[in-house]
């Protein structure tokens, strides 16, 4: 495997983990502790949802840039 392909694969794995891990942990594993907790105020739930959106946006943007930008062989 060429170094450029390995680097793209590693960056892609990091971008996917940026999307999957935080949302998976907060939305699935800690759902009763965070978003579904009736003790949380709606404003606190808004901040939790904003963090989901931020993680997904950053990961998707990284994947888009990684897939669109050509690799330079220098």
PDB file of N, CA and C in Angstrom:
ATOM      1  N   UNK A   1       0.853  -1.181   0.000  1.00  0.00           N
ATOM      2  CA  UNK A   1       0.000   0.000   0.000  1.00  0.00           C
ATOM      3  C   UNK A   1       0.894   1.238   0.000  1.00  0.00           C
ATOM      4  N   UNK A   2       0.583   2.173  -0.872  1.00  0.00           N
ATOM      5  CA  UNK A   2       1.371   3.394  -0.946  1.00  0.00           C
ATOM      6  C   UNK A   2       1.120   4.261   0.275  1.00  0.00           C
ATOM      7  N   UNK A   3       2.079   5.102   0.574  1.00  0.00           N
ATOM      8  CA  UNK A   3       1.958   5.971   1.747  1.00  0.00           C
ATOM      9  C   UNK A   3       0.762   6.901   1.634  1.00  0.00           C
ATOM     10  N   UNK A   4       0.488   7.392   0.405  1.00  0.00           N
ATOM     11  CA  UNK A   4      -0.641   8.307   0.213  1.00  0.00           C
ATOM     12  C   UNK A   4      -1.965   7.602   0.471  1.00  0.00           C
ATOM     13  N   UNK A   5      -2.082   6.367   0.020  1.00  0.00           N
ATOM     14  CA  UNK A   5      -3.302   5.607   0.247  1.00  0.00           C
ATOM     15  C   UNK A   5      -3.465   5.271   1.721  1.00  0.00           C
ATOM     16  N   UNK A   6      -2.376   4.946   2.379  1.00  0.00           N
ATOM     17  CA  UNK A   6      -2.431   4.670   3.807  1.00  0.00           C
ATOM     18  C   UNK A   6      -2.855   5.915   4.582  1.00  0.00           C
ATOM     19  N   UNK A   7      -2.303   7.054   4.194  1.00  0.00           N
ATOM     20  CA  UNK A   7      -2.663   8.309   4.861  1.00  0.00           C
ATOM     21  C   UNK A   7      -4.138   8.637   4.651  1.00  0.00           C
ATOM     22  N   UNK A   8      -4.643   8.447   3.433  1.00  0.00           N
ATOM     23  CA  UNK A   8      -6.065   8.692   3.171  1.00  0.00           C
ATOM     24  C   UNK A   8      -6.940   7.742   3.978  1.00  0.00           C
ATOM     25  N   UNK A   9      -6.534   6.485   4.085  1.00  0.00           N
ATOM     26  CA  UNK A   9      -7.303   5.513   4.841  1.00  0.00           C
ATOM     27  C   UNK A   9      -7.338   5.891   6.321  1.00  0.00           C
ATOM     28  N   UNK A  10      -6.195   6.290   6.860  1.00  0.00           N
ATOM     29  CA  UNK A  10      -6.141   6.677   8.270  1.00  0.00           C
ATOM     30  C   UNK A  10      -6.964   7.940   8.549  1.00  0.00           C
ATOM     31  N   UNK A  11      -6.880   8.914   7.650  1.00  0.00           N
ATOM     32  CA  UNK A  11      -7.688  10.122   7.813  1.00  0.00           C
ATOM     33  C   UNK A  11      -9.176   9.806   7.687  1.00  0.00           C
ATOM     34  N   UNK A  12      -9.529   8.909   6.788  1.00  0.00           N
ATOM     35  CA  UNK A  12     -10.926   8.497   6.653  1.00  0.00           C
ATOM     36  C   UNK A  12     -11.427   7.795   7.907  1.00  0.00           C
ATOM     37  N   UNK A  13     -10.586   6.945   8.488  1.00  0.00           N
ATOM     38  CA  UNK A  13     -10.968   6.264   9.730  1.00  0.00           C
ATOM     39  C   UNK A  13     -11.153   7.269  10.866  1.00  0.00           C
ATOM     40  N   UNK A  14     -10.283   8.272  10.925  1.00  0.00           N
ATOM     41  CA  UNK A  14     -10.423   9.301  11.959  1.00  0.00           C
ATOM     42  C   UNK A  14     -11.695  10.118  11.750  1.00  0.00           C
ATOM     43  N   UNK A  15     -12.020  10.430  10.494  1.00  0.00           N
ATOM     44  CA  UNK A  15     -13.235  11.191  10.206  1.00  0.00           C
ATOM     45  C   UNK A  15     -14.484  10.380  10.563  1.00  0.00           C
ATOM     46  N   UNK A  16     -14.486   9.100  10.217  1.00  0.00           N
ATOM     47  CA  UNK A  16     -15.627   8.258  10.565  1.00  0.00           C
ATOM     48  C   UNK A  16     -15.780   8.097  12.073  1.00  0.00           C
ATOM     49  N   UNK A  17     -14.664   7.958  12.766  1.00  0.00           N
ATOM     50  CA  UNK A  17     -14.761   7.839  14.223  1.00  0.00           C
ATOM     51  C   UNK A  17     -15.236   9.137  14.862  1.00  0.00           C
ATOM     52  N   UNK A  18     -14.952  10.283  14.219  1.00  0.00           N
ATOM     53  CA  UNK A  18     -15.456  11.562  14.704  1.00  0.00           C
ATOM     54  C   UNK A  18     -16.974  11.607  14.610  1.00  0.00           C
ATOM     55  N   UNK A  19     -17.526  10.949  13.624  1.00  0.00           N
ATOM     56  CA  UNK A  19     -18.985  10.910  13.460  1.00  0.00           C
ATOM     57  C   UNK A  19     -19.606   9.862  14.381  1.00  0.00           C
ATOM     58  N   UNK A  20     -19.069   8.671  14.383  1.00  0.00           N
ATOM     59  CA  UNK A  20     -19.725   7.526  15.008  1.00  0.00           C
ATOM     60  C   UNK A  20     -19.571   7.489  16.532  1.00  0.00           C
ATOM     61  N   UNK A  21     -18.365   7.665  17.033  1.00  0.00           N
ATOM     62  CA  UNK A  21     -18.112   7.433  18.458  1.00  0.00           C
ATOM     63  C   UNK A  21     -18.842   8.416  19.368  1.00  0.00           C
ATOM     64  N   UNK A  22     -18.718   9.735  19.196  1.00  0.00           N
ATOM     65  CA  UNK A  22     -19.416  10.628  20.134  1.00  0.00           C
ATOM     66  C   UNK A  22     -20.937  10.487  20.079  1.00  0.00           C
ATOM     67  N   UNK A  23     -21.479  10.360  18.882  1.00  0.00           N
ATOM     68  CA  UNK A  23     -22.931  10.228  18.762  1.00  0.00           C
ATOM     69  C   UNK A  23     -23.377   8.870  19.299  1.00  0.00           C
ATOM     70  N   UNK A  24     -22.615   7.845  19.025  1.00  0.00           N
ATOM     71  CA  UNK A  24     -22.963   6.522  19.536  1.00  0.00           C
ATOM     72  C   UNK A  24     -22.942   6.456  21.051  1.00  0.00           C
ATOM     73  N   UNK A  25     -21.946   7.053  21.651  1.00  0.00           N
ATOM     74  CA  UNK A  25     -21.844   7.021  23.108  1.00  0.00           C
ATOM     75  C   UNK A  25     -22.958   7.850  23.742  1.00  0.00           C
ATOM     76  N   UNK A  26     -23.155   9.084  23.276  1.00  0.00           N
ATOM     77  CA  UNK A  26     -24.164   9.948  23.894  1.00  0.00           C
ATOM     78  C   UNK A  26     -25.588   9.533  23.550  1.00  0.00           C
ATOM     79  N   UNK A  27     -25.845   9.134  22.312  1.00  0.00           N
ATOM     80  CA  UNK A  27     -27.214   8.840  21.896  1.00  0.00           C
ATOM     81  C   UNK A  27     -27.649   7.418  22.236  1.00  0.00           C
ATOM     82  N   UNK A  28     -26.702   6.495  22.321  1.00  0.00           N
ATOM     83  CA  UNK A  28     -27.080   5.103  22.560  1.00  0.00           C
ATOM     84  C   UNK A  28     -26.721   4.663  23.979  1.00  0.00           C
ATOM     85  N   UNK A  29     -25.455   4.743  24.328  1.00  0.00           N
ATOM     86  CA  UNK A  29     -25.025   4.233  25.631  1.00  0.00           C
ATOM     87  C   UNK A  29     -25.490   5.103  26.798  1.00  0.00           C
ATOM     88  N   UNK A  30     -25.461   6.407  26.629  1.00  0.00           N
ATOM     89  CA  UNK A  30     -25.828   7.315  27.717  1.00  0.00           C
ATOM     90  C   UNK A  30     -27.160   8.022  27.454  1.00  0.00           C
ATOM     91  N   UNK A  31     -28.043   7.403  26.687  1.00  0.00           N
ATOM     92  CA  UNK A  31     -29.298   8.059  26.320  1.00  0.00           C
ATOM     93  C   UNK A  31     -30.142   8.394  27.543  1.00  0.00           C
ATOM     94  N   UNK A  32     -30.200   7.488  28.512  1.00  0.00           N
ATOM     95  CA  UNK A  32     -31.011   7.759  29.699  1.00  0.00           C
ATOM     96  C   UNK A  32     -30.362   8.794  30.607  1.00  0.00           C
ATOM     97  N   UNK A  33     -29.058   8.931  30.513  1.00  0.00           N
ATOM     98  CA  UNK A  33     -28.364   9.897  31.360  1.00  0.00           C
ATOM     99  C   UNK A  33     -28.378  11.298  30.767  1.00  0.00           C
ATOM    100  N   UNK A  34     -28.568  11.407  29.449  1.00  0.00           N
ATOM    101  CA  UNK A  34     -28.488  12.709  28.809  1.00  0.00           C
ATOM    102  C   UNK A  34     -29.803  13.125  28.169  1.00  0.00           C
ATOM    103  N   UNK A  35     -30.013  12.747  26.915  1.00  0.00           N
ATOM    104  CA  UNK A  35     -31.136  13.274  26.137  1.00  0.00           C
ATOM    105  C   UNK A  35     -32.502  12.840  26.653  1.00  0.00           C
ATOM    106  N   UNK A  36     -32.622  11.657  27.198  1.00  0.00           N
ATOM    107  CA  UNK A  36     -33.912  11.168  27.675  1.00  0.00           C
ATOM    108  C   UNK A  36     -34.132  11.398  29.165  1.00  0.00           C
ATOM    109  N   UNK A  37     -33.226  12.101  29.797  1.00  0.00           N
ATOM    110  CA  UNK A  37     -33.336  12.355  31.231  1.00  0.00           C
ATOM    111  C   UNK A  37     -34.330  13.491  31.473  1.00  0.00           C
ATOM    112  N   UNK A  38     -35.419  13.240  32.187  1.00  0.00           N
ATOM    113  CA  UNK A  38     -36.399  14.302  32.421  1.00  0.00           C
ATOM    114  C   UNK A  38     -35.881  15.407  33.346  1.00  0.00           C
ATOM    115  N   UNK A  39     -34.815  15.146  34.065  1.00  0.00           N
ATOM    116  CA  UNK A  39     -34.262  16.173  34.950  1.00  0.00           C
ATOM    117  C   UNK A  39     -33.481  17.234  34.185  1.00  0.00           C
ATOM    118  N   UNK A  40     -33.100  16.917  32.969  1.00  0.00           N
ATOM    119  CA  UNK A  40     -32.355  17.891  32.164  1.00  0.00           C
ATOM    120  C   UNK A  40     -33.294  18.960  31.639  1.00  0.00           C
ATOM    121  N   UNK A  41     -32.862  20.183  31.692  1.00  0.00           N
ATOM    122  CA  UNK A  41     -33.637  21.280  31.125  1.00  0.00           C
ATOM    123  C   UNK A  41     -33.575  21.229  29.598  1.00  0.00           C
ATOM    124  N   UNK A  42     -34.585  21.751  28.917  1.00  0.00           N
ATOM    125  CA  UNK A  42     -34.556  21.750  27.452  1.00  0.00           C
ATOM    126  C   UNK A  42     -33.327  22.453  26.879  1.00  0.00           C
ATOM    127  N   UNK A  43     -32.856  23.489  27.554  1.00  0.00           N
ATOM    128  CA  UNK A  43     -31.680  24.195  27.052  1.00  0.00           C
ATOM    129  C   UNK A  43     -30.435  23.305  27.105  1.00  0.00           C
ATOM    130  N   UNK A  44     -30.329  22.481  28.133  1.00  0.00           N
ATOM    131  CA  UNK A  44     -29.200  21.553  28.226  1.00  0.00           C
ATOM    132  C   UNK A  44     -29.294  20.489  27.135  1.00  0.00           C
ATOM    133  N   UNK A  45     -30.506  20.037  26.834  1.00  0.00           N
ATOM    134  CA  UNK A  45     -30.689  19.065  25.757  1.00  0.00           C
ATOM    135  C   UNK A  45     -30.343  19.687  24.403  1.00  0.00           C
ATOM    136  N   UNK A  46     -30.622  20.980  24.255  1.00  0.00           N
ATOM    137  CA  UNK A  46     -30.248  21.681  23.028  1.00  0.00           C
ATOM    138  C   UNK A  46     -28.734  21.652  22.839  1.00  0.00           C
ATOM    139  N   UNK A  47     -27.984  21.886  23.908  1.00  0.00           N
ATOM    140  CA  UNK A  47     -26.525  21.856  23.806  1.00  0.00           C
ATOM    141  C   UNK A  47     -26.024  20.451  23.482  1.00  0.00           C
ATOM    142  N   UNK A  48     -26.676  19.444  23.995  1.00  0.00           N
ATOM    143  CA  UNK A  48     -26.306  18.065  23.668  1.00  0.00           C
ATOM    144  C   UNK A  48     -26.571  17.793  22.188  1.00  0.00           C
ATOM    145  N   UNK A  49     -27.715  18.233  21.686  1.00  0.00           N
ATOM    146  CA  UNK A  49     -28.028  18.056  20.268  1.00  0.00           C
ATOM    147  C   UNK A  49     -27.064  18.856  19.393  1.00  0.00           C
ATOM    148  N   UNK A  50     -26.660  20.027  19.852  1.00  0.00           N
ATOM    149  CA  UNK A  50     -25.689  20.825  19.090  1.00  0.00           C
ATOM    150  C   UNK A  50     -24.351  20.103  19.006  1.00  0.00           C
ATOM    151  N   UNK A  51     -23.963  19.398  20.057  1.00  0.00           N
ATOM    152  CA  UNK A  51     -22.703  18.648  20.002  1.00  0.00           C
ATOM    153  C   UNK A  51     -22.817  17.477  19.027  1.00  0.00           C
ATOM    154  N   UNK A  52     -24.001  16.833  18.933  1.00  0.00           N
ATOM    155  CA  UNK A  52     -24.206  15.791  17.922  1.00  0.00           C
ATOM    156  C   UNK A  52     -24.020  16.377  16.530  1.00  0.00           C
ATOM    157  N   UNK A  53     -24.650  17.526  16.287  1.00  0.00           N
ATOM    158  CA  UNK A  53     -24.566  18.169  14.980  1.00  0.00           C
ATOM    159  C   UNK A  53     -23.129  18.585  14.659  1.00  0.00           C
ATOM    160  N   UNK A  54     -22.413  19.099  15.638  1.00  0.00           N
ATOM    161  CA  UNK A  54     -21.029  19.528  15.416  1.00  0.00           C
ATOM    162  C   UNK A  54     -20.144  18.342  15.048  1.00  0.00           C
ATOM    163  N   UNK A  55     -20.279  17.232  15.765  1.00  0.00           N
ATOM    164  CA  UNK A  55     -19.478  16.044  15.456  1.00  0.00           C
ATOM    165  C   UNK A  55     -19.775  15.500  14.076  1.00  0.00           C
ATOM    166  N   UNK A  56     -21.065  15.421  13.744  1.00  0.00           N
ATOM    167  CA  UNK A  56     -21.445  14.924  12.424  1.00  0.00           C
ATOM    168  C   UNK A  56     -20.969  15.866  11.323  1.00  0.00           C
ATOM    169  N   UNK A  57     -21.097  17.164  11.542  1.00  0.00           N
ATOM    170  CA  UNK A  57     -20.673  18.140  10.533  1.00  0.00           C
ATOM    171  C   UNK A  57     -19.172  18.088  10.294  1.00  0.00           C
ATOM    172  N   UNK A  58     -18.404  18.038  11.361  1.00  0.00           N
ATOM    173  CA  UNK A  58     -16.949  17.987  11.210  1.00  0.00           C
ATOM    174  C   UNK A  58     -16.501  16.700  10.524  1.00  0.00           C
ATOM    175  N   UNK A  59     -17.084  15.589  10.906  1.00  0.00           N
ATOM    176  CA  UNK A  59     -16.714  14.322  10.287  1.00  0.00           C
ATOM    177  C   UNK A  59     -17.095  14.266   8.817  1.00  0.00           C
ATOM    178  N   UNK A  60     -18.300  14.735   8.484  1.00  0.00           N
ATOM    179  CA  UNK A  60     -18.728  14.735   7.090  1.00  0.00           C
ATOM    180  C   UNK A  60     -17.902  15.700   6.243  1.00  0.00           C
ATOM    181  N   UNK A  61     -17.572  16.846   6.792  1.00  0.00           N
ATOM    182  CA  UNK A  61     -16.736  17.797   6.064  1.00  0.00           C
ATOM    183  C   UNK A  61     -15.345  17.209   5.810  1.00  0.00           C
ATOM    184  N   UNK A  62     -14.791  16.539   6.814  1.00  0.00           N
ATOM    185  CA  UNK A  62     -13.474  15.914   6.636  1.00  0.00           C
ATOM    186  C   UNK A  62     -13.526  14.828   5.566  1.00  0.00           C
ATOM    187  N   UNK A  63     -14.589  14.024   5.566  1.00  0.00           N
ATOM    188  CA  UNK A  63     -14.719  12.990   4.544  1.00  0.00           C
ATOM    189  C   UNK A  63     -14.889  13.592   3.152  1.00  0.00           C
ATOM    190  N   UNK A  64     -15.689  14.646   3.054  1.00  0.00           N
ATOM    191  CA  UNK A  64     -15.900  15.288   1.755  1.00  0.00           C
ATOM    192  C   UNK A  64     -14.601  15.859   1.207  1.00  0.00           C
ATOM    193  N   UNK A  65     -13.860  16.542   2.043  1.00  0.00           N
ATOM    194  CA  UNK A  65     -12.579  17.111   1.605  1.00  0.00           C
ATOM    195  C   UNK A  65     -11.607  15.999   1.229  1.00  0.00           C
ATOM    196  N   UNK A  66     -11.598  14.952   2.007  1.00  0.00           N
ATOM    197  CA  UNK A  66     -10.693  13.837   1.748  1.00  0.00           C
ATOM    198  C   UNK A  66     -11.010  13.136   0.427  1.00  0.00           C
ATOM    199  N   UNK A  67     -12.293  13.009   0.105  1.00  0.00           N
ATOM    200  CA  UNK A  67     -12.685  12.314  -1.117  1.00  0.00           C
ATOM    201  C   UNK A  67     -12.570  13.195  -2.352  1.00  0.00           C
ATOM    202  N   UNK A  68     -12.746  14.502  -2.208  1.00  0.00           N
ATOM    203  CA  UNK A  68     -12.745  15.395  -3.357  1.00  0.00           C
ATOM    204  C   UNK A  68     -11.343  15.869  -3.717  1.00  0.00           C
ATOM    205  N   UNK A  69     -10.539  16.153  -2.719  1.00  0.00           N
ATOM    206  CA  UNK A  69      -9.213  16.718  -2.970  1.00  0.00           C
ATOM    207  C   UNK A  69      -8.280  15.651  -3.543  1.00  0.00           C
ATOM    208  N   UNK A  70      -7.602  15.967  -4.638  1.00  0.00           N
ATOM    209  CA  UNK A  70      -6.678  14.976  -5.213  1.00  0.00           C
ATOM    210  C   UNK A  70      -5.407  14.838  -4.374  1.00  0.00           C
ATOM    211  N   UNK A  71      -4.775  13.703  -4.520  1.00  0.00           N
ATOM    212  CA  UNK A  71      -3.520  13.453  -3.813  1.00  0.00           C
ATOM    213  C   UNK A  71      -2.377  13.933  -4.683  1.00  0.00           C
ATOM    214  N   UNK A  72      -1.465  14.702  -4.093  1.00  0.00           N
ATOM    215  CA  UNK A  72      -0.298  15.167  -4.851  1.00  0.00           C
ATOM    216  C   UNK A  72       0.861  14.216  -4.567  1.00  0.00           C
ATOM    217  N   UNK A  73       1.506  13.786  -5.600  1.00  0.00           N
ATOM    218  CA  UNK A  73       2.637  12.884  -5.470  1.00  0.00           C
ATOM    219  C   UNK A  73       3.929  13.702  -5.624  1.00  0.00           C
ATOM    220  N   UNK A  74       4.470  14.104  -4.502  1.00  0.00           N
ATOM    221  CA  UNK A  74       5.691  14.921  -4.524  1.00  0.00           C
ATOM    222  C   UNK A  74       6.844  14.109  -3.993  1.00  0.00           C
TER     223      UNK A  74
END
